[in-house]
Protein backbone atom coordinates (compact mmCIF):
# COMPACT_ATOMS: atom_id res chain seq x y z
CA GLY A 1 -0.02 -0.02 0.00
CA TRP A 2 2.76 2.42 0.92
CA SER A 3 4.67 1.70 -2.27
CA THR A 4 1.41 2.24 -4.25
CA LEU A 5 1.10 5.61 -2.49
CA ARG A 6 4.57 6.59 -3.59
CA LYS A 7 4.01 5.49 -7.06
CA ALA A 8 0.88 7.63 -7.16
CA GLN A 9 2.97 10.59 -5.81
CA ALA A 10 5.46 10.08 -8.58
CA LEU A 11 2.77 9.76 -11.24
CA GLU A 12 1.26 13.10 -10.05
CA ARG A 13 4.57 14.91 -10.09
CA GLN A 14 5.17 13.68 -13.63
CA GLY A 15 1.91 15.09 -14.66
CA SER A 16 -0.04 11.86 -15.06
CA THR A 17 -2.90 12.84 -12.82
CA ASP A 18 -5.54 10.16 -14.03
CA ALA A 19 -2.91 7.35 -13.65
CA ALA A 20 -2.14 8.76 -10.09
CA ALA A 21 -5.92 8.78 -9.18
CA THR A 22 -6.17 5.23 -10.25
CA GLU A 23 -3.27 4.10 -8.03
CA LEU A 24 -4.78 5.93 -5.14
CA ARG A 25 -8.18 4.14 -5.65
CA LYS A 26 -6.35 0.85 -5.68
CA ILE A 27 -5.14 1.71 -2.12
CA LEU A 28 -8.60 2.35 -0.86
CA GLN A 29 -9.81 -0.99 -2.28
CA MET A 30 -7.34 -2.84 -0.26
CA PRO A 31 -9.02 -5.06 2.45
CA LEU A 32 -7.02 -3.59 5.37
CA VAL A 33 -7.40 0.04 4.42
CA THR A 34 -10.94 0.71 5.72
CA ALA A 35 -12.57 3.19 8.11
CA ASP A 36 -12.55 0.60 10.86
CA ALA A 37 -9.03 -0.58 10.29
CA GLN A 38 -7.30 -1.96 13.43
CA ASP A 39 -3.70 -1.11 12.65
CA PRO A 40 -2.54 2.55 12.92
CA THR A 41 -0.59 2.33 9.75
CA ASP A 42 -3.49 1.18 7.70
CA VAL A 43 -5.49 4.02 9.10
CA LEU A 44 -2.90 6.55 8.18
CA LEU A 45 -2.57 5.04 4.67
CA SER A 46 -6.30 5.73 4.27
CA ILE A 47 -6.01 9.23 5.40
CA TYR A 48 -3.16 10.02 3.02
CA ALA A 49 -4.85 8.22 0.16
CA HIS A 50 -8.12 10.14 0.54
CA ASP A 51 -6.34 13.41 1.04
CA ALA A 52 -4.21 12.93 -2.17
CA LEU A 53 -7.34 12.02 -4.17
CA GLY A 54 -9.02 15.16 -2.84
CA VAL A 55 -6.21 17.37 -3.81
CA LEU A 56 -6.10 15.83 -7.32
CA SER A 57 -9.97 16.37 -7.61
CA LEU A 58 -9.61 19.94 -6.37
CA LYS A 59 -6.97 20.82 -9.00
CA GLY A 60 -9.03 19.14 -11.66
CA GLN A 61 -12.03 21.17 -10.74
CA TYR A 62 -14.13 18.19 -9.51
CA TYR A 63 -15.28 19.85 -6.48
CA ASP A 64 -17.97 17.50 -5.27
CA GLN A 65 -15.60 14.63 -5.48
CA ALA A 66 -12.99 16.80 -3.59
CA ILE A 67 -15.33 17.48 -0.87
CA ALA A 68 -16.11 13.83 -0.47
CA GLU A 69 -12.50 12.54 -0.33
CA LEU A 70 -11.20 15.46 1.89
CA THR A 71 -14.25 14.91 4.27
CA GLU A 72 -13.45 11.24 4.44
CA SER A 73 -9.79 12.00 5.09
CA LEU A 74 -10.56 14.35 7.94
CA ALA A 75 -13.13 11.81 9.42
CA SER A 76 -10.42 9.13 9.42
CA LYS A 77 -8.15 11.21 11.69
CA GLU A 78 -10.67 10.67 14.48
CA ASN A 79 -10.44 6.85 14.21
CA PRO A 80 -10.16 5.27 17.69
CA THR A 81 -7.20 3.18 16.68
CA LEU A 82 -5.05 6.49 16.25
CA LYS A 83 -6.44 7.92 19.49
CA GLY A 84 -5.97 4.83 21.49
CA GLU A 85 -2.34 4.39 20.41
CA GLY A 86 -1.58 8.16 21.34
CA ILE A 87 -0.63 8.59 17.59
CA ASP A 88 -1.19 11.88 15.88
CA PHE A 89 0.79 11.60 12.68
CA ALA A 90 -2.06 12.95 10.68
CA ILE A 91 -1.24 16.41 12.14
CA VAL A 92 1.58 16.67 9.56
CA TYR A 93 -1.02 18.27 7.24
CA HIS A 94 -0.86 21.46 9.49
CA GLY A 95 -4.39 22.63 8.77
CA SER A 96 -3.99 21.90 4.86
CA GLN A 97 -6.87 19.44 4.84
CA GLU A 98 -9.34 21.96 6.27
CA ASN A 99 -8.06 24.57 4.02
CA ASN A 100 -8.41 22.56 0.88
CA LEU A 101 -11.85 21.38 2.05
CA ALA A 102 -12.81 24.98 2.51
CA LEU A 103 -11.68 25.90 -1.06
CA ALA A 104 -13.57 23.09 -2.54
CA LEU A 105 -16.77 23.99 -0.63
CA ALA A 106 -16.42 27.75 -1.61
CA LYS A 107 -16.01 26.62 -5.25
CA ALA A 108 -19.17 24.55 -4.96
CA GLY A 109 -21.20 27.46 -3.55
CA ARG A 110 -21.27 26.25 -0.08
CA ASN A 111 -19.76 29.38 1.50
CA GLU A 112 -21.03 28.97 4.97
CA GLU A 113 -19.51 25.40 5.30
CA ALA A 114 -16.33 26.78 3.64
CA THR A 115 -15.97 29.48 6.18
CA LYS A 116 -16.35 27.05 9.03
CA TYR A 117 -13.41 24.90 7.81
CA ALA A 118 -11.40 27.90 6.71
CA ARG A 119 -11.65 29.18 10.14
CA LEU A 120 -10.33 25.77 11.61
CA ALA A 121 -7.28 26.03 9.32
CA VAL A 122 -6.54 29.69 10.47
CA ALA A 123 -7.03 28.51 14.11
CA TYR A 124 -4.26 26.02 13.65
CA ASP A 125 -1.92 28.48 12.01
CA PRO A 126 -3.09 32.12 12.25
CA ALA A 127 -0.26 33.62 10.15
CA ASN A 128 -0.52 31.28 7.22
CA PRO A 129 -1.25 33.72 4.28
CA VAL A 130 -2.77 30.85 2.23
CA PHE A 131 -5.28 29.94 4.98
CA LEU A 132 -6.16 33.66 5.64
CA GLU A 133 -6.76 33.99 1.74
CA THR A 134 -9.10 31.00 1.67
CA LEU A 135 -10.98 32.46 4.72
CA ALA A 136 -11.36 35.86 3.19
CA PHE A 137 -12.49 34.33 -0.13
CA SER A 138 -15.23 32.33 1.69
CA LEU A 139 -16.36 35.50 3.46
CA GLY A 140 -16.36 37.75 0.50
CA SER A 141 -20.08 37.93 -0.05
CA SER A 142 -21.37 37.29 3.53
CA ASP A 143 -19.03 39.56 5.60
CA PRO A 144 -17.09 41.80 3.28
CA GLU A 145 -15.54 43.85 6.10
CA GLU A 146 -14.09 40.84 7.75
CA ALA A 147 -12.94 39.54 4.31
CA ILE A 148 -11.14 42.83 3.70
CA ALA A 149 -9.35 42.45 7.11
CA ARG A 150 -8.37 38.91 6.38
CA TYR A 151 -6.96 39.77 2.96
CA ARG A 152 -4.98 42.61 4.59
CA THR A 153 -3.54 40.20 7.14
CA ALA A 154 -2.63 37.72 4.51
CA LEU A 155 -0.87 40.38 2.49
CA GLU A 156 1.05 41.46 5.44
CA GLU A 157 2.53 37.98 5.57
CA ASP A 158 3.04 37.68 1.82
CA PRO A 159 2.71 40.86 -0.34
CA THR A 160 3.17 38.69 -3.48
CA LEU A 161 -0.35 37.14 -3.20
CA TYR A 162 -1.60 38.99 -6.42
CA SER A 163 -4.93 37.22 -6.25
CA SER A 164 -5.57 38.54 -2.75
CA TRP A 165 -4.68 42.07 -3.88
CA ASN A 166 -7.15 41.80 -6.71
CA ASN A 167 -10.03 40.57 -4.57
CA LEU A 168 -9.14 43.08 -1.92
CA GLY A 169 -9.43 45.73 -4.52
CA VAL A 170 -12.83 44.46 -5.64
CA LEU A 171 -14.23 44.59 -2.11
CA LEU A 172 -12.83 47.96 -1.46
CA VAL A 173 -14.22 49.54 -4.66
CA ARG A 174 -17.64 47.92 -3.98
CA SER A 175 -17.59 49.43 -0.48
CA GLY A 176 -17.12 52.93 -1.84
CA ARG A 177 -13.28 53.17 -1.32
CA ALA A 178 -12.29 53.32 -5.03
CA ASP A 179 -8.87 55.05 -4.39
CA LEU A 180 -7.79 52.12 -2.20
CA GLY A 181 -9.18 49.63 -4.55
CA GLU A 182 -7.13 51.17 -7.41
CA GLU A 183 -4.00 50.88 -5.33
CA ALA A 184 -4.78 47.32 -4.51
CA PHE A 185 -5.08 46.51 -8.27
CA ARG A 186 -1.84 48.35 -8.94
CA ARG A 187 -0.14 46.11 -6.19
CA ALA A 188 -1.69 43.12 -7.97
CA VAL A 189 -0.22 43.66 -11.34
CA GLY A 190 3.03 44.91 -9.55
CA ALA A 191 3.38 41.41 -7.96
CA ASN A 192 2.56 39.77 -11.38
CA ASP A 193 2.78 41.96 -14.57
CA ARG A 194 1.08 39.21 -16.51
CA TYR A 195 -1.99 39.11 -14.33
CA ALA A 196 -4.91 39.73 -16.67
CA ILE A 197 -7.61 39.99 -14.20
CA GLY A 198 -5.68 42.55 -12.29
CA TRP A 199 -5.07 44.71 -15.48
CA PHE A 200 -8.78 44.30 -16.38
CA ASN A 201 -9.90 45.60 -12.98
CA LEU A 202 -7.39 48.36 -12.89
CA GLY A 203 -8.71 49.46 -16.39
CA THR A 204 -12.38 49.27 -15.18
CA VAL A 205 -11.60 51.65 -12.20
CA LEU A 206 -9.45 54.03 -14.22
CA ARG A 207 -11.89 54.24 -17.07
CA ASP A 208 -14.54 55.71 -14.90
CA SER A 209 -12.10 58.44 -13.63
CA TRP A 210 -12.72 62.20 -14.30
CA SER A 211 -9.18 62.62 -15.25
CA PRO A 212 -8.46 62.44 -19.02
CA VAL A 213 -5.04 60.92 -18.23
CA ASP A 214 -6.55 58.10 -16.04
CA MET A 215 -9.16 57.47 -18.63
CA PHE A 216 -6.31 56.98 -21.27
CA ARG A 217 -4.45 54.71 -18.72
CA GLY A 218 -7.57 52.76 -18.11
CA HIS A 219 -8.11 51.90 -21.81
CA GLY A 220 -4.48 50.92 -21.91
CA ALA A 221 -4.90 48.59 -18.98
CA LEU A 222 -8.04 47.00 -20.48
CA ALA A 223 -6.05 46.55 -23.79
CA ARG A 224 -3.09 44.88 -21.85
CA ALA A 225 -5.60 42.61 -20.14
CA ALA A 226 -6.99 41.53 -23.63
CA VAL A 227 -3.52 40.90 -24.93
CA LEU A 228 -2.69 38.62 -21.78
CA ASP A 229 -5.96 36.92 -21.99
CA SER A 230 -7.89 36.82 -25.16
CA GLY A 231 -11.21 36.02 -23.11
CA PHE A 232 -11.20 39.79 -22.17
CA ARG A 233 -11.50 40.97 -25.80
CA GLY A 234 -14.77 42.78 -26.31
CA GLU A 235 -15.89 42.25 -22.63
CA ALA A 236 -17.60 45.19 -21.01
CA PRO A 237 -15.46 46.74 -18.24
CA SER A 238 -16.56 45.34 -14.83
CA LEU A 239 -14.90 44.17 -11.65
CA ARG A 240 -13.92 40.53 -11.58
CA VAL A 241 -13.24 38.46 -8.43
CA ASP A 242 -10.46 36.00 -8.96
CA ASP A 243 -11.82 32.45 -7.97
CA GLU A 244 -9.09 30.48 -9.47
CA VAL A 245 -7.40 27.88 -7.23
CA TYR A 246 -3.66 28.31 -7.27
CA SER A 247 -1.01 25.83 -6.12
CA THR A 248 0.89 27.26 -3.21
CA GLY A 249 4.69 26.96 -3.17
CA LEU A 250 4.63 26.17 0.56
CA ASP A 251 6.04 22.61 0.99
CA LEU A 252 4.69 20.95 4.18
CA SER A 253 5.95 17.50 3.25
CA LYS A 254 9.18 17.76 5.09
CA PRO A 255 9.60 16.48 8.59
CA VAL A 256 8.75 19.36 10.97
CA SER A 257 7.56 19.66 14.60
CA PRO A 258 3.78 18.68 15.10
CA THR A 259 3.28 22.30 16.55
CA TRP A 260 4.98 23.96 13.58
CA GLN A 261 3.27 27.20 12.33
CA PHE A 262 3.83 29.46 9.42
CA ALA A 263 4.78 32.47 11.66
CA ARG A 264 7.59 30.60 13.33
CA GLY A 265 8.74 29.16 10.00
CA ALA A 266 8.61 32.35 8.03
CA HIS A 267 10.16 34.90 10.40
CA LEU A 268 13.91 35.00 11.15
CA ASP A 269 15.69 36.92 13.85
CA ALA A 270 17.86 39.33 11.98
CA ARG A 271 19.76 40.74 14.94
CA PRO A 272 22.74 38.38 14.66
CA PHE A 273 23.01 39.18 11.04
CA ALA A 274 22.81 42.92 11.73
CA ALA A 275 25.45 42.59 14.23
CA ILE A 276 27.65 40.77 11.78
CA ALA A 277 27.00 43.52 9.05
CA PHE A 278 27.70 46.24 11.62
CA ILE A 279 31.13 44.84 12.67
CA SER A 280 32.06 44.19 9.05
CA GLY A 281 31.22 47.66 8.13
CA LEU A 282 33.19 48.97 11.16
CA LEU A 283 36.23 46.92 10.14
CA ARG A 284 36.01 48.15 6.65
CA LEU A 285 35.97 51.71 7.89
CA VAL A 286 38.92 51.26 10.01
CA TRP A 287 40.80 49.57 7.27
CA ALA A 288 39.89 52.40 4.86
CA LEU A 289 41.17 55.05 7.43
CA LEU A 290 44.43 53.19 8.11
CA TYR A 291 44.95 52.61 4.30
CA ASP A 292 44.48 56.41 3.65
CA GLU A 293 46.64 57.37 6.45
CA VAL A 294 49.43 55.01 5.60
CA GLY A 295 49.05 55.89 1.91
CA GLY A 296 49.39 59.59 2.77
CA ARG A 297 52.53 58.99 5.03
CA VAL A 298 54.16 56.83 2.26
CA ALA A 299 53.36 59.55 -0.49
CA GLU A 300 54.78 62.30 1.75
CA TRP A 301 57.87 60.31 2.41
CA LEU A 302 58.47 59.60 -1.32
């Protein structure tokens, strides 16, 4: 079973997602890998296989299937076999299961449930920008002010989240803060200059400006969006929320502490490096002064 799981992972990395899904389903059909398995490693194998299938389904936009697989994976974590043995290996997901389930639910239009699971992910790791972005996305229509606050917190952690800048801009414009929304769209295309939705939204806002210069820039932004994505050609200017599911660059597959959080992993104490830089600069200054003094004396003697 574990060898089949590794094979599925290798196929998925190769891009053979259908073949990877087939291998994962083979695992779940094995007699020992069931919800009432008695061996902790068999339970864990079931958790990993359901989660991997859920992630593949999410990437493939099969949202109902992703919801079913991720729900099953989360339910298996409560198996009494694991609890009885005092084993909590499933915690290696660090909230990613709840986050992915929230994404699938939001894409399926079940925002209330999505918000519930997104809050669970954020409760596990309050500084994780991916989890914060998912929570903000699920809150977008029901509680725009909290969504704005969550997007801002996510962007404080990672200012390169261009989709968060875009969606923040949409919420700000719709709440009557067009100037702040325009700035958010500029930050979105600044983080990714090939981000078509960001250019389209920026053009939509600028096009309605009273300034002739901004109107000209707005048409330029709309044209750039159409060049980057032909789907925007001929489209009437209107604000667009980015509901695309992006793969994160965060790698949680490495062995880390069960209590690991993004905040502790992302921030580094810079004081030792600052001290080294200061001492290095001081030594260079002393050397420059000595060199200048000795050079002057030598020149005078010559």
